[in-house]
Amino acid sequence: MYSLSLKIIIAQLIFLVFVSSLQIVLTRHENRLFVSVLQELHQEDAELIDSCQEIQLEIISLTKHHHVERIAREELKMIKPKNIIVITP
């Protein structure tokens, strides 16, 4: 009925269709994994941004004058001088 070469071509085409469909399945699976990793990275990015903002607020509060003055008085036992004399050249 069919010649041998035609049967071989049909078998090759069937094999190629199978390989192509398998590659599509694998690519979709890989794509899902990448999307999952991307979502995790976005979540981590948001957490790092929040953490950075908290640290910046803490730095601002720690560098305020009254905070520095309190540490100088309480922890370093410093006192404000009574008489300040400025000597200029």
C-alpha atoms as a PDB file:
ATOM      1  CA  MET A   1       0.000   0.000   0.000  1.00  0.00           C
ATOM      2  CA  TYR A   2       2.404   2.664   1.160  1.00  0.00           C
ATOM      3  CA  SER A   3       5.983   2.584   0.151  1.00  0.00           C
ATOM      4  CA  LEU A   4       8.661   2.101   2.756  1.00  0.00           C
ATOM      5  CA  SER A   5      10.000   5.650   2.379  1.00  0.00           C
ATOM      6  CA  LEU A   6       6.545   7.127   2.986  1.00  0.00           C
ATOM      7  CA  LYS A   7       6.150   4.998   6.124  1.00  0.00           C
ATOM      8  CA  ILE A   8       9.537   6.225   7.363  1.00  0.00           C
ATOM      9  CA  ILE A   9       8.562   9.859   6.724  1.00  0.00           C
ATOM     10  CA  ILE A  10       5.262   9.390   8.584  1.00  0.00           C
ATOM     11  CA  ALA A  11       7.083   7.722  11.486  1.00  0.00           C
ATOM     12  CA  GLN A  12       9.581  10.586  11.579  1.00  0.00           C
ATOM     13  CA  LEU A  13       6.766  13.158  11.561  1.00  0.00           C
ATOM     14  CA  ILE A  14       4.971  11.359  14.389  1.00  0.00           C
ATOM     15  CA  PHE A  15       8.233  11.255  16.342  1.00  0.00           C
ATOM     16  CA  LEU A  16       8.816  14.976  15.736  1.00  0.00           C
ATOM     17  CA  VAL A  17       5.273  15.822  16.869  1.00  0.00           C
ATOM     18  CA  PHE A  18       5.841  13.773  20.029  1.00  0.00           C
ATOM     19  CA  VAL A  19       9.180  15.463  20.725  1.00  0.00           C
ATOM     20  CA  SER A  20       7.650  18.892  20.075  1.00  0.00           C
ATOM     21  CA  SER A  21       4.747  18.255  22.444  1.00  0.00           C
ATOM     22  CA  LEU A  22       7.154  16.983  25.094  1.00  0.00           C
ATOM     23  CA  GLN A  23       9.259  20.130  24.682  1.00  0.00           C
ATOM     24  CA  ILE A  24       6.143  22.303  25.073  1.00  0.00           C
ATOM     25  CA  VAL A  25       5.258  20.523  28.312  1.00  0.00           C
ATOM     26  CA  LEU A  26       8.798  20.944  29.652  1.00  0.00           C
ATOM     27  CA  THR A  27       8.919  24.610  28.641  1.00  0.00           C
ATOM     28  CA  ARG A  28       5.603  25.337  30.352  1.00  0.00           C
ATOM     29  CA  HIS A  29       6.798  23.600  33.510  1.00  0.00           C
ATOM     30  CA  GLU A  30      10.034  25.586  33.455  1.00  0.00           C
ATOM     31  CA  ASN A  31       8.036  28.773  32.901  1.00  0.00           C
ATOM     32  CA  ARG A  32       5.877  28.030  35.959  1.00  0.00           C
ATOM     33  CA  LEU A  33       9.012  27.498  38.039  1.00  0.00           C
ATOM     34  CA  PHE A  34      10.457  30.806  36.855  1.00  0.00           C
ATOM     35  CA  VAL A  35       7.225  32.638  37.666  1.00  0.00           C
ATOM     36  CA  SER A  36       7.266  31.109  41.139  1.00  0.00           C
ATOM     37  CA  VAL A  37      10.866  32.200  41.708  1.00  0.00           C
ATOM     38  CA  LEU A  38      10.049  35.664  40.379  1.00  0.00           C
ATOM     39  CA  GLN A  39       7.154  36.019  42.826  1.00  0.00           C
ATOM     40  CA  GLU A  40       9.419  34.955  45.694  1.00  0.00           C
ATOM     41  CA  LEU A  41      12.008  37.529  44.623  1.00  0.00           C
ATOM     42  CA  HIS A  42       9.355  40.261  44.449  1.00  0.00           C
ATOM     43  CA  GLN A  43       8.253  39.343  47.972  1.00  0.00           C
ATOM     44  CA  GLU A  44      11.843  39.419  49.218  1.00  0.00           C
ATOM     45  CA  ASP A  45      12.373  42.762  47.483  1.00  0.00           C
ATOM     46  CA  ALA A  46       9.330  44.236  49.240  1.00  0.00           C
ATOM     47  CA  GLU A  47      10.564  42.918  52.596  1.00  0.00           C
ATOM     48  CA  LEU A  48      14.019  44.400  52.017  1.00  0.00           C
ATOM     49  CA  ILE A  49      12.530  47.756  51.074  1.00  0.00           C
ATOM     50  CA  ASP A  50      10.466  47.745  54.286  1.00  0.00           C
ATOM     51  CA  SER A  51      13.528  46.796  56.308  1.00  0.00           C
ATOM     52  CA  CYS A  52      15.578  49.546  54.685  1.00  0.00           C
ATOM     53  CA  GLN A  53      12.915  52.136  55.460  1.00  0.00           C
ATOM     54  CA  GLU A  54      12.775  51.007  59.091  1.00  0.00           C
ATOM     55  CA  ILE A  55      16.548  51.284  59.366  1.00  0.00           C
ATOM     56  CA  GLN A  56      16.501  54.753  57.822  1.00  0.00           C
ATOM     57  CA  LEU A  57      13.871  55.868  60.349  1.00  0.00           C
ATOM     58  CA  GLU A  58      15.948  54.406  63.168  1.00  0.00           C
ATOM     59  CA  ILE A  59      19.044  56.249  61.928  1.00  0.00           C
ATOM     60  CA  ILE A  60      17.100  59.504  61.805  1.00  0.00           C
ATOM     61  CA  SER A  61      15.791  59.057  65.333  1.00  0.00           C
ATOM     62  CA  LEU A  62      19.214  58.077  66.685  1.00  0.00           C
ATOM     63  CA  THR A  63      20.903  61.125  65.205  1.00  0.00           C
ATOM     64  CA  LYS A  64      18.438  63.621  66.636  1.00  0.00           C
ATOM     65  CA  HIS A  65      20.003  66.117  69.016  1.00  0.00           C
ATOM     66  CA  HIS A  66      18.077  65.110  72.134  1.00  0.00           C
ATOM     67  CA  HIS A  67      18.988  61.448  71.678  1.00  0.00           C
ATOM     68  CA  VAL A  68      22.696  62.242  71.292  1.00  0.00           C
ATOM     69  CA  GLU A  69      22.528  64.553  74.291  1.00  0.00           C
ATOM     70  CA  ARG A  70      20.850  61.889  76.460  1.00  0.00           C
ATOM     71  CA  ILE A  71      23.508  59.316  75.597  1.00  0.00           C
ATOM     72  CA  ALA A  72      26.239  61.841  76.360  1.00  0.00           C
ATOM     73  CA  ARG A  73      24.719  62.596  79.791  1.00  0.00           C
ATOM     74  CA  GLU A  74      23.616  59.124  80.874  1.00  0.00           C
ATOM     75  CA  GLU A  75      26.078  56.729  79.300  1.00  0.00           C
ATOM     76  CA  LEU A  76      29.187  58.870  78.911  1.00  0.00           C
ATOM     77  CA  LYS A  77      28.596  60.948  82.090  1.00  0.00           C
ATOM     78  CA  MET A  78      29.249  64.177  80.232  1.00  0.00           C
ATOM     79  CA  ILE A  79      28.025  67.527  81.489  1.00  0.00           C
ATOM     80  CA  LYS A  80      27.417  70.829  79.784  1.00  0.00           C
ATOM     81  CA  PRO A  81      30.138  73.372  80.519  1.00  0.00           C
ATOM     82  CA  LYS A  82      29.053  76.395  82.553  1.00  0.00           C
ATOM     83  CA  ASN A  83      31.367  79.031  81.119  1.00  0.00           C
ATOM     84  CA  ILE A  84      32.476  78.789  77.528  1.00  0.00           C
ATOM     85  CA  ILE A  85      35.520  80.797  76.510  1.00  0.00           C
ATOM     86  CA  VAL A  86      36.357  81.092  72.835  1.00  0.00           C
ATOM     87  CA  ILE A  87      39.933  81.972  71.983  1.00  0.00           C
ATOM     88  CA  THR A  88      40.588  83.188  68.472  1.00  0.00           C
ATOM     89  CA  PRO A  89      44.024  83.735  66.952  1.00  0.00           C
END
